[in-house]
N, C-alpha and C. Protein backbone atom coordinates (compact mmCIF):
# COMPACT_ATOMS: atom_id res chain seq x y z
N MET A 1 227.23 149.14 35.16
CA MET A 1 226.82 148.17 35.56
C MET A 1 227.68 147.09 35.88
N ILE A 2 229.16 147.12 35.57
CA ILE A 2 230.50 146.49 36.12
C ILE A 2 230.13 146.77 37.61
N GLY A 3 229.84 148.10 38.59
CA GLY A 3 230.38 148.42 39.42
C GLY A 3 229.22 147.46 40.39
N ILE A 4 228.20 147.47 39.69
CA ILE A 4 226.97 146.20 40.43
C ILE A 4 227.42 145.24 40.48
N LEU A 5 228.10 144.32 39.25
CA LEU A 5 228.30 143.04 39.55
C LEU A 5 229.48 142.69 39.84
N SER A 6 230.87 144.02 40.20
CA SER A 6 231.92 144.21 40.58
C SER A 6 231.78 143.74 42.48
N LYS A 7 230.52 144.48 43.06
CA LYS A 7 230.05 144.20 44.33
C LYS A 7 229.50 142.90 44.17
N VAL A 8 228.45 142.39 43.83
CA VAL A 8 227.94 141.24 44.23
C VAL A 8 228.47 140.11 44.13
N LEU A 9 229.36 140.48 43.46
CA LEU A 9 230.25 139.24 42.56
C LEU A 9 231.99 138.97 43.95
N LYS A 10 232.17 140.17 44.22
CA LYS A 10 233.19 140.34 45.02
C LYS A 10 234.34 140.35 44.32
N GLN A 11 234.58 141.04 43.01
CA GLN A 11 235.82 140.70 42.41
C GLN A 11 235.95 142.70 41.98
N PRO A 12 237.03 142.53 41.75
CA PRO A 12 237.61 143.73 41.10
C PRO A 12 236.85 144.05 39.81
N PRO A 13 236.69 145.61 39.68
CA PRO A 13 235.88 145.98 38.04
C PRO A 13 236.31 145.57 37.27
N GLU A 14 237.81 145.67 37.28
CA GLU A 14 238.50 145.07 36.19
C GLU A 14 238.33 143.88 35.58
N ARG A 15 238.82 142.69 37.00
CA ARG A 15 238.56 141.45 36.32
C ARG A 15 237.00 141.21 35.81
N VAL A 16 235.73 142.01 36.90
CA VAL A 16 234.55 142.01 35.60
C VAL A 16 234.78 141.81 34.45
N ALA A 17 235.11 143.27 34.27
CA ALA A 17 235.23 143.61 32.64
C ALA A 17 235.80 143.09 31.69
N GLN A 18 236.57 142.06 32.27
CA GLN A 18 237.34 141.40 31.22
C GLN A 18 236.93 140.14 31.02
N GLY A 19 235.41 139.80 31.68
CA GLY A 19 235.06 138.79 31.81
C GLY A 19 233.74 138.48 31.01
N LEU A 20 233.18 139.77 30.63
CA LEU A 20 231.74 140.35 30.02
C LEU A 20 231.79 140.24 28.46
N PRO A 21 231.02 139.54 27.92
CA PRO A 21 231.09 139.22 26.63
C PRO A 21 230.61 140.32 25.90
N PHE A 22 231.30 140.46 24.23
CA PHE A 22 230.57 142.01 23.41
C PHE A 22 229.08 141.40 22.88
N ILE A 23 228.34 142.47 23.35
CA ILE A 23 227.21 142.43 22.67
C ILE A 23 226.68 143.52 21.92
N ASP A 24 226.73 143.75 20.59
CA ASP A 24 226.44 144.70 19.73
C ASP A 24 225.25 145.75 20.14
N PRO A 25 225.57 146.67 20.61
CA PRO A 25 224.56 147.52 21.07
C PRO A 25 223.08 147.95 20.20
N GLU A 26 223.23 147.56 18.61
CA GLU A 26 221.93 147.58 17.81
C GLU A 26 221.21 146.14 17.94
N GLY A 27 221.69 145.41 18.48
CA GLY A 27 221.11 143.77 18.78
C GLY A 27 221.60 142.83 17.50
N ARG A 28 222.70 143.57 16.77
CA ARG A 28 222.82 142.66 15.70
C ARG A 28 223.76 141.22 16.14
N LEU A 29 223.43 140.03 15.08
CA LEU A 29 224.14 138.94 15.35
C LEU A 29 225.10 139.09 14.84
N ASP A 30 226.05 137.96 15.34
CA ASP A 30 227.12 137.58 14.42
C ASP A 30 226.88 136.06 13.73
N VAL A 31 225.78 135.65 12.92
CA VAL A 31 225.25 134.48 12.33
C VAL A 31 226.46 133.55 11.85
N GLY A 32 227.67 133.62 11.10
CA GLY A 32 228.29 132.71 10.62
C GLY A 32 228.77 132.14 12.49
N ASP A 33 228.84 132.97 13.24
CA ASP A 33 229.76 132.37 14.45
C ASP A 33 228.50 131.22 15.33
N ILE A 34 227.26 131.51 14.90
CA ILE A 34 226.68 130.81 15.80
C ILE A 34 225.91 129.30 14.69
N TYR A 35 226.06 129.36 13.73
CA TYR A 35 226.53 128.26 12.79
C TYR A 35 227.71 127.58 12.92
N LYS A 36 228.81 128.22 13.68
CA LYS A 36 230.23 127.28 14.21
C LYS A 36 229.85 127.42 15.27
N GLN A 37 229.22 127.61 15.68
CA GLN A 37 229.29 126.95 17.54
C GLN A 37 227.76 126.03 17.27
N VAL A 38 227.30 126.01 16.44
CA VAL A 38 226.09 124.66 16.25
C VAL A 38 226.85 123.31 15.59
N ALA A 39 227.66 123.86 14.89
CA ALA A 39 228.38 122.26 14.33
C ALA A 39 229.62 122.16 15.43
N PHE A 40 230.42 122.79 16.44
CA PHE A 40 231.00 122.37 17.35
C PHE A 40 229.65 121.63 18.25
N TRP A 41 228.79 121.81 18.78
CA TRP A 41 228.07 120.77 19.66
C TRP A 41 227.68 119.70 19.00
N GLN A 42 227.07 119.91 17.52
CA GLN A 42 226.77 118.95 16.86
C GLN A 42 227.87 117.88 16.70
N ALA A 43 229.39 118.15 16.05
CA ALA A 43 230.40 117.43 16.31
C ALA A 43 230.25 116.85 17.88
N SER A 44 230.15 117.31 18.64
CA SER A 44 230.70 116.81 20.39
C SER A 44 229.25 116.06 20.45
N GLY A 45 228.11 115.61 20.13
CA GLY A 45 226.79 115.24 20.28
C GLY A 45 225.94 115.28 21.29
N GLN A 46 226.43 116.91 21.10
CA GLN A 46 225.30 117.28 22.28
C GLN A 46 223.96 118.27 21.38
N VAL A 47 224.33 118.86 20.37
CA VAL A 47 223.05 118.79 19.49
C VAL A 47 222.78 117.83 18.22
N SER A 48 221.71 117.96 17.80
CA SER A 48 221.05 116.88 16.72
C SER A 48 221.75 117.11 15.19
N ARG A 49 221.85 116.22 14.63
CA ARG A 49 222.88 116.87 13.44
C ARG A 49 222.04 117.32 12.44
N ASP A 50 221.02 116.80 12.37
CA ASP A 50 219.90 117.62 11.35
C ASP A 50 219.26 119.02 12.23
N ALA A 51 220.18 119.34 13.15
CA ALA A 51 219.57 120.65 13.82
C ALA A 51 220.30 122.00 12.47
N ASN A 52 219.71 122.72 12.15
CA ASN A 52 219.60 123.61 10.78
C ASN A 52 219.59 125.28 11.13
N PRO A 53 220.70 125.79 12.01
CA PRO A 53 220.68 127.19 12.09
C PRO A 53 219.67 127.61 11.64
N LYS A 54 219.34 128.08 9.96
CA LYS A 54 218.75 128.91 9.19
C LYS A 54 217.22 128.57 9.78
N SER A 55 216.87 127.19 10.58
CA SER A 55 215.57 126.91 10.81
C SER A 55 215.58 127.65 11.87
N PHE A 56 216.00 128.17 12.82
CA PHE A 56 215.63 128.82 14.13
C PHE A 56 216.46 130.06 14.36
N ILE A 57 217.16 130.79 13.63
CA ILE A 57 217.70 132.36 13.67
C ILE A 57 216.59 132.78 13.20
N ASP A 58 215.98 133.96 13.62
CA ASP A 58 215.13 134.89 13.26
C ASP A 58 215.69 136.12 12.97
N LEU A 59 216.55 136.72 11.70
CA LEU A 59 217.08 137.61 11.26
C LEU A 59 216.17 138.95 10.95
N SER A 60 214.53 138.95 10.87
CA SER A 60 213.53 139.42 10.58
C SER A 60 213.47 140.95 11.60
N PHE A 61 214.24 140.78 12.82
CA PHE A 61 213.70 141.94 13.83
C PHE A 61 214.86 142.72 13.90
N VAL A 62 215.83 142.59 13.21
CA VAL A 62 217.17 143.87 13.35
C VAL A 62 217.84 143.67 11.84
N PRO A 63 217.88 144.94 11.51
CA PRO A 63 219.02 144.88 10.34
C PRO A 63 220.12 144.75 10.51
N GLY A 64 221.13 144.11 9.60
CA GLY A 64 222.10 144.37 9.44
C GLY A 64 223.26 143.61 10.27
N HIS A 65 222.76 142.24 10.46
CA HIS A 65 223.42 141.82 11.28
C HIS A 65 224.43 140.85 10.47
N MET A 66 225.60 140.38 10.88
CA MET A 66 227.55 139.98 10.54
C MET A 66 227.20 139.08 9.91
N ASN A 67 228.20 138.55 9.44
CA ASN A 67 228.42 137.26 8.56
C ASN A 67 227.61 136.02 8.65
N VAL A 68 226.26 137.13 7.18
CA VAL A 68 225.08 135.85 7.40
C VAL A 68 225.54 134.75 6.40
N PRO A 69 225.54 133.69 5.97
CA PRO A 69 225.61 133.24 5.28
C PRO A 69 224.94 133.08 4.18
N LYS A 70 225.37 132.51 3.39
CA LYS A 70 224.51 133.06 1.72
C LYS A 70 224.08 131.67 1.64
């Protein structure tokens, strides 16, 4: 994948690899980080203050998510 992106983006493979985000191979989410992201965007006025991540994150499809708030 890095080789393909490297060619399309006309960037060295090392640079492409540095820019890729981490994706859990099992599809698990870092739920606490999603909460932090929502709070960040709420504080900047880009997301409604009444948006509650618990109401739109579905944890049922994959077991073992990380950092799940109680």
